[in-house]
Amino acid sequence: MPVGATSWSFTEDDFGAINRLLQRFLYDSNARCALLVDRSGQLVTTVGEKPNFDATAFATLTAADFSANDQLAKLIGETDFNTLFHQGERESMLLADVARRVILVVLFDNRTTLGLVRLKMRQTVDDLSKLFDEVFRRGQSGAGQPNVLADADDEIDRLFQ
């Protein structure tokens, strides 16, 4: 599935499933916070400890960081980097590609280890990818979504006749 912006949305059930997966991941990994960001920089959801920064600006920067690293990967002959790690003195973050459209960002501190976060992230990324693949399939096919605008042109034409 190509990287890029498309029209997609998820249901309340999808949102609940996403949040449950992220909550389970945080519990299993002992990470502080998980954010999902789409590749255009929009914040999808945040689970865990509330970040003490502007999450909207963070989401935009995360998408830009991932895009820049995609270009760096191409320069060295890779198709992309599907995970990125940034380590600080007190805080670290691990980012992972989900279904080529969404980025999972995990914030963690010394209460856990990079190894544990990476280990637990693998299954979470697989589970989220399956869920988002289904969301994107529904979005492309329009299945299950009433087309609100389908009859709008006809109704406007009738009004002006």
N, C-alpha and C. Protein backbone atom coordinates (compact mmCIF):
# COMPACT_ATOMS: atom_id res chain seq x y z
N MET A 1 0.86 -1.17 0.00
CA MET A 1 0.00 0.00 0.00
C MET A 1 0.90 1.23 0.00
N PRO A 2 0.70 2.17 -0.92
CA PRO A 2 1.58 3.31 -1.02
C PRO A 2 1.37 4.30 0.11
N VAL A 3 2.45 5.01 0.40
CA VAL A 3 2.37 6.06 1.40
C VAL A 3 1.64 7.24 0.77
N GLY A 4 0.81 7.89 1.54
CA GLY A 4 0.14 9.07 1.04
C GLY A 4 -1.16 9.30 1.76
N ALA A 5 -1.72 10.44 1.50
CA ALA A 5 -2.97 10.79 2.15
C ALA A 5 -4.13 10.32 1.31
N THR A 6 -5.07 9.70 1.94
CA THR A 6 -6.31 9.33 1.30
C THR A 6 -7.42 9.65 2.28
N SER A 7 -8.61 9.52 1.79
CA SER A 7 -9.75 9.75 2.65
C SER A 7 -10.07 8.45 3.38
N TRP A 8 -10.01 8.49 4.69
CA TRP A 8 -10.34 7.33 5.49
C TRP A 8 -10.88 7.78 6.82
N SER A 9 -11.65 6.94 7.41
CA SER A 9 -12.17 7.21 8.74
C SER A 9 -12.42 5.88 9.42
N PHE A 10 -12.50 5.92 10.72
CA PHE A 10 -12.80 4.68 11.40
C PHE A 10 -14.01 4.86 12.29
N THR A 11 -14.60 3.73 12.62
CA THR A 11 -15.82 3.73 13.43
C THR A 11 -15.47 3.83 14.91
N GLU A 12 -16.49 3.98 15.70
CA GLU A 12 -16.29 4.00 17.15
C GLU A 12 -15.71 2.67 17.63
N ASP A 13 -16.14 1.57 17.00
CA ASP A 13 -15.60 0.25 17.34
C ASP A 13 -14.11 0.17 17.00
N ASP A 14 -13.74 0.72 15.83
CA ASP A 14 -12.33 0.75 15.43
C ASP A 14 -11.52 1.54 16.46
N PHE A 15 -12.03 2.71 16.82
CA PHE A 15 -11.33 3.58 17.78
C PHE A 15 -11.16 2.87 19.12
N GLY A 16 -12.20 2.17 19.57
CA GLY A 16 -12.11 1.41 20.82
C GLY A 16 -11.07 0.31 20.73
N ALA A 17 -11.04 -0.39 19.60
CA ALA A 17 -10.06 -1.47 19.41
C ALA A 17 -8.64 -0.92 19.39
N ILE A 18 -8.45 0.21 18.73
CA ILE A 18 -7.13 0.85 18.68
C ILE A 18 -6.68 1.21 20.09
N ASN A 19 -7.54 1.86 20.83
CA ASN A 19 -7.18 2.28 22.19
C ASN A 19 -6.92 1.09 23.11
N ARG A 20 -7.70 0.01 22.97
CA ARG A 20 -7.46 -1.18 23.79
C ARG A 20 -6.10 -1.80 23.47
N LEU A 21 -5.76 -1.87 22.17
CA LEU A 21 -4.45 -2.41 21.78
C LEU A 21 -3.33 -1.57 22.38
N LEU A 22 -3.48 -0.26 22.31
CA LEU A 22 -2.43 0.63 22.85
C LEU A 22 -2.35 0.55 24.36
N GLN A 23 -3.48 0.47 25.04
CA GLN A 23 -3.47 0.35 26.50
C GLN A 23 -2.80 -0.95 26.93
N ARG A 24 -3.12 -2.04 26.24
CA ARG A 24 -2.48 -3.32 26.56
C ARG A 24 -0.97 -3.23 26.33
N PHE A 25 -0.58 -2.61 25.21
CA PHE A 25 0.84 -2.44 24.92
C PHE A 25 1.54 -1.66 26.03
N LEU A 26 0.96 -0.55 26.46
CA LEU A 26 1.58 0.26 27.52
C LEU A 26 1.72 -0.54 28.81
N TYR A 27 0.70 -1.30 29.13
CA TYR A 27 0.75 -2.12 30.33
C TYR A 27 1.87 -3.17 30.23
N ASP A 28 1.93 -3.86 29.09
CA ASP A 28 2.92 -4.92 28.90
C ASP A 28 4.36 -4.41 28.82
N SER A 29 4.54 -3.21 28.27
CA SER A 29 5.89 -2.67 28.07
C SER A 29 6.33 -1.72 29.17
N ASN A 30 5.39 -1.27 30.00
CA ASN A 30 5.64 -0.28 31.04
C ASN A 30 6.11 1.05 30.47
N ALA A 31 5.69 1.33 29.23
CA ALA A 31 5.97 2.64 28.62
C ALA A 31 4.97 3.65 29.17
N ARG A 32 5.29 4.93 29.01
CA ARG A 32 4.45 5.99 29.57
C ARG A 32 3.27 6.38 28.71
N CYS A 33 3.50 6.50 27.39
CA CYS A 33 2.51 7.10 26.52
C CYS A 33 2.66 6.55 25.11
N ALA A 34 1.54 6.40 24.42
CA ALA A 34 1.56 6.01 23.01
C ALA A 34 0.69 6.99 22.24
N LEU A 35 1.22 7.46 21.13
CA LEU A 35 0.47 8.36 20.25
C LEU A 35 0.42 7.73 18.88
N LEU A 36 -0.72 7.85 18.22
CA LEU A 36 -0.83 7.45 16.82
C LEU A 36 -0.97 8.72 16.00
N VAL A 37 -0.16 8.81 14.96
CA VAL A 37 -0.11 9.99 14.11
C VAL A 37 -0.23 9.52 12.67
N ASP A 38 -1.08 10.16 11.88
CA ASP A 38 -1.11 9.77 10.47
C ASP A 38 0.05 10.43 9.74
N ARG A 39 0.35 9.94 8.56
CA ARG A 39 1.54 10.40 7.83
C ARG A 39 1.45 11.86 7.41
N SER A 40 0.26 12.45 7.45
CA SER A 40 0.15 13.86 7.12
C SER A 40 0.37 14.75 8.35
N GLY A 41 0.56 14.12 9.52
CA GLY A 41 0.86 14.89 10.72
C GLY A 41 -0.33 15.14 11.64
N GLN A 42 -1.44 14.49 11.38
CA GLN A 42 -2.62 14.65 12.23
C GLN A 42 -2.56 13.65 13.38
N LEU A 43 -2.84 14.12 14.58
CA LEU A 43 -2.89 13.25 15.75
C LEU A 43 -4.15 12.41 15.68
N VAL A 44 -4.01 11.09 15.76
CA VAL A 44 -5.16 10.19 15.72
C VAL A 44 -5.66 9.91 17.13
N THR A 45 -4.75 9.52 18.03
CA THR A 45 -5.13 9.26 19.41
C THR A 45 -3.90 9.26 20.30
N THR A 46 -4.14 9.47 21.58
CA THR A 46 -3.10 9.41 22.60
C THR A 46 -3.61 8.55 23.74
N VAL A 47 -2.77 7.62 24.20
CA VAL A 47 -3.14 6.72 25.28
C VAL A 47 -2.03 6.74 26.31
N GLY A 48 -2.40 6.63 27.58
CA GLY A 48 -1.41 6.61 28.65
C GLY A 48 -1.30 7.96 29.31
N GLU A 49 -0.13 8.23 29.88
CA GLU A 49 0.09 9.51 30.55
C GLU A 49 -0.07 10.66 29.57
N LYS A 50 -0.75 11.69 30.03
CA LYS A 50 -0.96 12.86 29.17
C LYS A 50 0.38 13.55 28.95
N PRO A 51 0.72 13.77 27.67
CA PRO A 51 2.00 14.46 27.39
C PRO A 51 1.99 15.88 27.94
N ASN A 52 3.15 16.35 28.38
CA ASN A 52 3.25 17.72 28.91
C ASN A 52 3.80 18.66 27.84
N PHE A 53 3.37 18.43 26.59
CA PHE A 53 3.75 19.26 25.46
C PHE A 53 2.56 19.34 24.51
N ASP A 54 2.66 20.17 23.52
CA ASP A 54 1.61 20.34 22.53
C ASP A 54 1.59 19.11 21.61
N ALA A 55 0.63 18.23 21.82
CA ALA A 55 0.56 16.97 21.08
C ALA A 55 0.31 17.20 19.59
N THR A 56 -0.40 18.27 19.24
CA THR A 56 -0.66 18.56 17.83
C THR A 56 0.62 18.94 17.11
N ALA A 57 1.41 19.82 17.70
CA ALA A 57 2.71 20.18 17.11
C ALA A 57 3.63 18.97 17.07
N PHE A 58 3.60 18.16 18.12
CA PHE A 58 4.42 16.96 18.18
C PHE A 58 4.06 16.01 17.03
N ALA A 59 2.77 15.86 16.75
CA ALA A 59 2.32 14.98 15.67
C ALA A 59 2.85 15.46 14.32
N THR A 60 2.80 16.76 14.10
CA THR A 60 3.31 17.33 12.85
C THR A 60 4.81 17.06 12.70
N LEU A 61 5.56 17.29 13.78
CA LEU A 61 7.00 17.06 13.75
C LEU A 61 7.32 15.57 13.58
N THR A 62 6.52 14.71 14.17
CA THR A 62 6.72 13.26 14.03
C THR A 62 6.59 12.84 12.58
N ALA A 63 5.56 13.31 11.91
CA ALA A 63 5.36 12.97 10.50
C ALA A 63 6.52 13.49 9.65
N ALA A 64 6.97 14.70 9.96
CA ALA A 64 8.11 15.27 9.22
C ALA A 64 9.38 14.46 9.47
N ASP A 65 9.58 14.04 10.71
CA ASP A 65 10.74 13.22 11.07
C ASP A 65 10.71 11.91 10.29
N PHE A 66 9.57 11.27 10.25
CA PHE A 66 9.45 9.99 9.55
C PHE A 66 9.67 10.18 8.06
N SER A 67 9.13 11.25 7.49
CA SER A 67 9.33 11.52 6.05
C SER A 67 10.79 11.79 5.74
N ALA A 68 11.45 12.57 6.58
CA ALA A 68 12.88 12.85 6.36
C ALA A 68 13.69 11.56 6.43
N ASN A 69 13.37 10.70 7.36
CA ASN A 69 14.10 9.44 7.49
C ASN A 69 13.80 8.49 6.34
N ASP A 70 12.60 8.56 5.76
CA ASP A 70 12.31 7.78 4.54
C ASP A 70 13.26 8.20 3.42
N GLN A 71 13.50 9.50 3.31
CA GLN A 71 14.41 9.99 2.27
C GLN A 71 15.85 9.58 2.56
N LEU A 72 16.25 9.63 3.82
CA LEU A 72 17.59 9.17 4.20
C LEU A 72 17.77 7.69 3.87
N ALA A 73 16.75 6.91 4.11
CA ALA A 73 16.81 5.47 3.81
C ALA A 73 17.04 5.26 2.32
N LYS A 74 16.32 6.00 1.51
CA LYS A 74 16.47 5.87 0.05
C LYS A 74 17.89 6.23 -0.39
N LEU A 75 18.46 7.24 0.24
CA LEU A 75 19.83 7.65 -0.12
C LEU A 75 20.86 6.55 0.12
N ILE A 76 20.60 5.71 1.10
CA ILE A 76 21.56 4.64 1.39
C ILE A 76 21.12 3.29 0.80
N GLY A 77 20.06 3.32 -0.02
CA GLY A 77 19.65 2.12 -0.70
C GLY A 77 18.57 1.30 -0.02
N GLU A 78 17.98 1.81 1.03
CA GLU A 78 16.86 1.13 1.69
C GLU A 78 15.56 1.70 1.16
N THR A 79 14.49 0.93 1.23
CA THR A 79 13.20 1.46 0.80
C THR A 79 12.64 2.41 1.85
N ASP A 80 12.86 2.08 3.12
CA ASP A 80 12.45 2.96 4.22
C ASP A 80 13.04 2.43 5.52
N PHE A 81 12.88 3.20 6.57
CA PHE A 81 13.18 2.73 7.93
C PHE A 81 11.82 2.58 8.60
N ASN A 82 11.47 1.37 8.99
CA ASN A 82 10.13 1.20 9.56
C ASN A 82 10.09 1.46 11.06
N THR A 83 11.25 1.61 11.70
CA THR A 83 11.29 2.04 13.10
C THR A 83 12.41 3.06 13.28
N LEU A 84 12.17 3.98 14.19
CA LEU A 84 13.16 4.99 14.54
C LEU A 84 13.25 5.04 16.06
N PHE A 85 14.44 5.30 16.57
CA PHE A 85 14.64 5.39 18.01
C PHE A 85 15.39 6.68 18.33
N HIS A 86 14.88 7.42 19.30
CA HIS A 86 15.53 8.63 19.78
C HIS A 86 15.71 8.49 21.29
N GLN A 87 16.95 8.61 21.74
CA GLN A 87 17.25 8.42 23.15
C GLN A 87 17.72 9.73 23.76
N GLY A 88 17.11 10.06 24.90
CA GLY A 88 17.53 11.22 25.66
C GLY A 88 18.06 10.79 27.00
N GLU A 89 18.43 11.77 27.81
CA GLU A 89 18.94 11.45 29.15
C GLU A 89 17.87 10.80 30.02
N ARG A 90 16.68 11.37 30.00
CA ARG A 90 15.60 10.87 30.85
C ARG A 90 14.46 10.24 30.05
N GLU A 91 14.23 10.72 28.85
CA GLU A 91 13.10 10.27 28.04
C GLU A 91 13.61 9.73 26.71
N SER A 92 12.93 8.73 26.22
CA SER A 92 13.25 8.17 24.90
C SER A 92 11.95 7.95 24.15
N MET A 93 12.07 7.81 22.85
CA MET A 93 10.89 7.50 22.06
C MET A 93 11.25 6.54 20.94
N LEU A 94 10.32 5.65 20.68
CA LEU A 94 10.44 4.67 19.62
C LEU A 94 9.26 4.89 18.70
N LEU A 95 9.54 5.01 17.40
CA LEU A 95 8.50 5.25 16.41
C LEU A 95 8.46 4.06 15.47
N ALA A 96 7.26 3.67 15.07
CA ALA A 96 7.13 2.55 14.15
C ALA A 96 6.04 2.83 13.12
N ASP A 97 6.32 2.40 11.90
CA ASP A 97 5.35 2.51 10.82
C ASP A 97 4.24 1.49 11.03
N VAL A 98 3.00 1.92 10.83
CA VAL A 98 1.85 1.03 10.92
C VAL A 98 1.09 1.13 9.61
N ALA A 99 1.07 0.05 8.85
CA ALA A 99 0.28 -0.05 7.61
C ALA A 99 0.64 1.03 6.58
N ARG A 100 1.87 1.56 6.64
CA ARG A 100 2.35 2.55 5.68
C ARG A 100 1.53 3.84 5.67
N ARG A 101 0.70 4.07 6.67
CA ARG A 101 -0.12 5.27 6.71
C ARG A 101 -0.14 5.95 8.08
N VAL A 102 0.24 5.22 9.12
CA VAL A 102 0.13 5.74 10.48
C VAL A 102 1.45 5.45 11.19
N ILE A 103 1.81 6.31 12.13
CA ILE A 103 3.04 6.15 12.90
C ILE A 103 2.67 5.96 14.37
N LEU A 104 3.19 4.90 14.97
CA LEU A 104 3.03 4.69 16.40
C LEU A 104 4.25 5.28 17.09
N VAL A 105 4.01 6.19 18.01
CA VAL A 105 5.08 6.83 18.78
C VAL A 105 4.93 6.40 20.23
N VAL A 106 5.99 5.86 20.79
CA VAL A 106 5.96 5.40 22.18
C VAL A 106 6.98 6.21 22.97
N LEU A 107 6.52 6.82 24.04
CA LEU A 107 7.38 7.58 24.93
C LEU A 107 7.62 6.74 26.18
N PHE A 108 8.89 6.61 26.56
CA PHE A 108 9.20 5.81 27.74
C PHE A 108 10.40 6.39 28.47
N ASP A 109 10.54 5.99 29.72
CA ASP A 109 11.65 6.46 30.54
C ASP A 109 12.36 5.27 31.15
N ASN A 110 13.08 5.47 32.24
CA ASN A 110 13.89 4.40 32.82
C ASN A 110 13.08 3.35 33.58
N ARG A 111 11.77 3.46 33.59
CA ARG A 111 10.94 2.42 34.21
C ARG A 111 10.90 1.15 33.37
N THR A 112 11.38 1.25 32.13
CA THR A 112 11.40 0.11 31.23
C THR A 112 12.68 0.14 30.41
N THR A 113 12.81 -0.80 29.49
CA THR A 113 14.01 -0.85 28.64
C THR A 113 13.60 -0.79 27.17
N LEU A 114 14.54 -0.35 26.35
CA LEU A 114 14.30 -0.32 24.92
C LEU A 114 13.96 -1.72 24.42
N GLY A 115 14.67 -2.72 24.91
CA GLY A 115 14.42 -4.10 24.48
C GLY A 115 13.00 -4.55 24.74
N LEU A 116 12.48 -4.26 25.92
CA LEU A 116 11.10 -4.65 26.25
C LEU A 116 10.10 -3.88 25.39
N VAL A 117 10.32 -2.59 25.21
CA VAL A 117 9.41 -1.78 24.40
C VAL A 117 9.40 -2.30 22.96
N ARG A 118 10.58 -2.57 22.41
CA ARG A 118 10.67 -3.09 21.03
C ARG A 118 9.98 -4.45 20.91
N LEU A 119 10.21 -5.31 21.86
CA LEU A 119 9.61 -6.64 21.84
C LEU A 119 8.09 -6.56 21.84
N LYS A 120 7.54 -5.78 22.74
CA LYS A 120 6.08 -5.65 22.85
C LYS A 120 5.49 -4.85 21.68
N MET A 121 6.30 -3.97 21.10
CA MET A 121 5.81 -3.15 20.00
C MET A 121 5.55 -3.99 18.74
N ARG A 122 6.36 -5.01 18.52
CA ARG A 122 6.21 -5.82 17.29
C ARG A 122 4.80 -6.36 17.13
N GLN A 123 4.28 -7.00 18.18
CA GLN A 123 2.93 -7.57 18.08
C GLN A 123 1.89 -6.47 17.97
N THR A 124 2.08 -5.38 18.68
CA THR A 124 1.13 -4.26 18.63
C THR A 124 1.08 -3.67 17.23
N VAL A 125 2.23 -3.50 16.59
CA VAL A 125 2.28 -2.98 15.23
C VAL A 125 1.57 -3.95 14.27
N ASP A 126 1.79 -5.23 14.44
CA ASP A 126 1.10 -6.22 13.60
C ASP A 126 -0.42 -6.13 13.77
N ASP A 127 -0.86 -6.07 15.02
CA ASP A 127 -2.30 -5.98 15.30
C ASP A 127 -2.90 -4.68 14.77
N LEU A 128 -2.21 -3.57 14.97
CA LEU A 128 -2.69 -2.28 14.46
C LEU A 128 -2.69 -2.27 12.93
N SER A 129 -1.68 -2.87 12.32
CA SER A 129 -1.61 -2.91 10.85
C SER A 129 -2.81 -3.64 10.29
N LYS A 130 -3.18 -4.76 10.88
CA LYS A 130 -4.36 -5.51 10.42
C LYS A 130 -5.61 -4.65 10.55
N LEU A 131 -5.74 -3.98 11.68
CA LEU A 131 -6.91 -3.14 11.90
C LEU A 131 -6.96 -1.99 10.90
N PHE A 132 -5.83 -1.30 10.70
CA PHE A 132 -5.81 -0.18 9.77
C PHE A 132 -5.94 -0.63 8.32
N ASP A 133 -5.40 -1.79 7.97
CA ASP A 133 -5.60 -2.32 6.61
C ASP A 133 -7.09 -2.47 6.33
N GLU A 134 -7.83 -2.96 7.31
CA GLU A 134 -9.28 -3.11 7.15
C GLU A 134 -9.96 -1.74 7.02
N VAL A 135 -9.55 -0.79 7.84
CA VAL A 135 -10.10 0.57 7.76
C VAL A 135 -9.85 1.16 6.38
N PHE A 136 -8.62 1.01 5.86
CA PHE A 136 -8.28 1.56 4.55
C PHE A 136 -9.05 0.85 3.44
N ARG A 137 -9.23 -0.46 3.57
CA ARG A 137 -10.02 -1.20 2.57
C ARG A 137 -11.45 -0.69 2.52
N ARG A 138 -12.02 -0.49 3.71
CA ARG A 138 -13.39 0.05 3.76
C ARG A 138 -13.44 1.43 3.15
N GLY A 139 -12.44 2.25 3.42
CA GLY A 139 -12.40 3.61 2.89
C GLY A 139 -12.30 3.64 1.39
N GLN A 140 -11.53 2.70 0.81
CA GLN A 140 -11.38 2.66 -0.65
C GLN A 140 -12.62 2.13 -1.33
N SER A 141 -13.26 1.15 -0.70
CA SER A 141 -14.42 0.55 -1.34
C SER A 141 -15.70 1.31 -1.02
N GLY A 142 -15.65 2.09 0.05
CA GLY A 142 -16.86 2.81 0.47
C GLY A 142 -17.86 1.88 1.12
N ALA A 143 -17.48 0.64 1.36
CA ALA A 143 -18.38 -0.34 1.94
C ALA A 143 -18.79 0.07 3.34
N GLY A 144 -20.05 -0.03 3.59
CA GLY A 144 -20.56 0.26 4.91
C GLY A 144 -20.70 1.74 5.20
N GLN A 145 -20.36 2.59 4.24
CA GLN A 145 -20.47 4.02 4.47
C GLN A 145 -21.51 4.59 3.52
N PRO A 146 -22.55 5.17 4.05
CA PRO A 146 -23.52 5.78 3.15
C PRO A 146 -22.89 6.98 2.46
N ASN A 147 -23.14 7.10 1.17
CA ASN A 147 -22.59 8.22 0.43
C ASN A 147 -23.56 9.39 0.56
N VAL A 148 -23.29 10.24 1.50
CA VAL A 148 -24.17 11.36 1.83
C VAL A 148 -24.32 12.30 0.65
N LEU A 149 -23.28 12.46 -0.15
CA LEU A 149 -23.32 13.40 -1.26
C LEU A 149 -23.79 12.79 -2.57
N ALA A 150 -24.09 11.49 -2.58
CA ALA A 150 -24.44 10.82 -3.83
C ALA A 150 -25.63 11.48 -4.51
N ASP A 151 -26.64 11.84 -3.76
CA ASP A 151 -27.84 12.43 -4.36
C ASP A 151 -27.86 13.95 -4.28
N ALA A 152 -26.81 14.54 -3.75
CA ALA A 152 -26.80 16.00 -3.56
C ALA A 152 -26.87 16.74 -4.88
N ASP A 153 -26.11 16.32 -5.89
CA ASP A 153 -26.14 16.99 -7.20
C ASP A 153 -27.54 16.94 -7.81
N ASP A 154 -28.17 15.77 -7.74
CA ASP A 154 -29.51 15.64 -8.29
C ASP A 154 -30.50 16.55 -7.55
N GLU A 155 -30.38 16.60 -6.24
CA GLU A 155 -31.29 17.44 -5.45
C GLU A 155 -31.07 18.92 -5.77
N ILE A 156 -29.84 19.34 -5.92
CA ILE A 156 -29.55 20.74 -6.28
C ILE A 156 -30.11 21.05 -7.66
N ASP A 157 -29.94 20.14 -8.62
CA ASP A 157 -30.49 20.34 -9.96
C ASP A 157 -32.01 20.49 -9.89
N ARG A 158 -32.69 19.67 -9.10
CA ARG A 158 -34.16 19.75 -8.98
C ARG A 158 -34.59 21.08 -8.39
N LEU A 159 -33.79 21.64 -7.47
CA LEU A 159 -34.14 22.91 -6.84
C LEU A 159 -34.13 24.06 -7.85
N PHE A 160 -33.25 23.98 -8.84
CA PHE A 160 -33.09 25.08 -9.78
C PHE A 160 -33.83 24.86 -11.08
N GLN A 161 -34.65 23.83 -11.18
CA GLN A 161 -35.43 23.60 -12.40
C GLN A 161 -36.78 24.25 -12.32
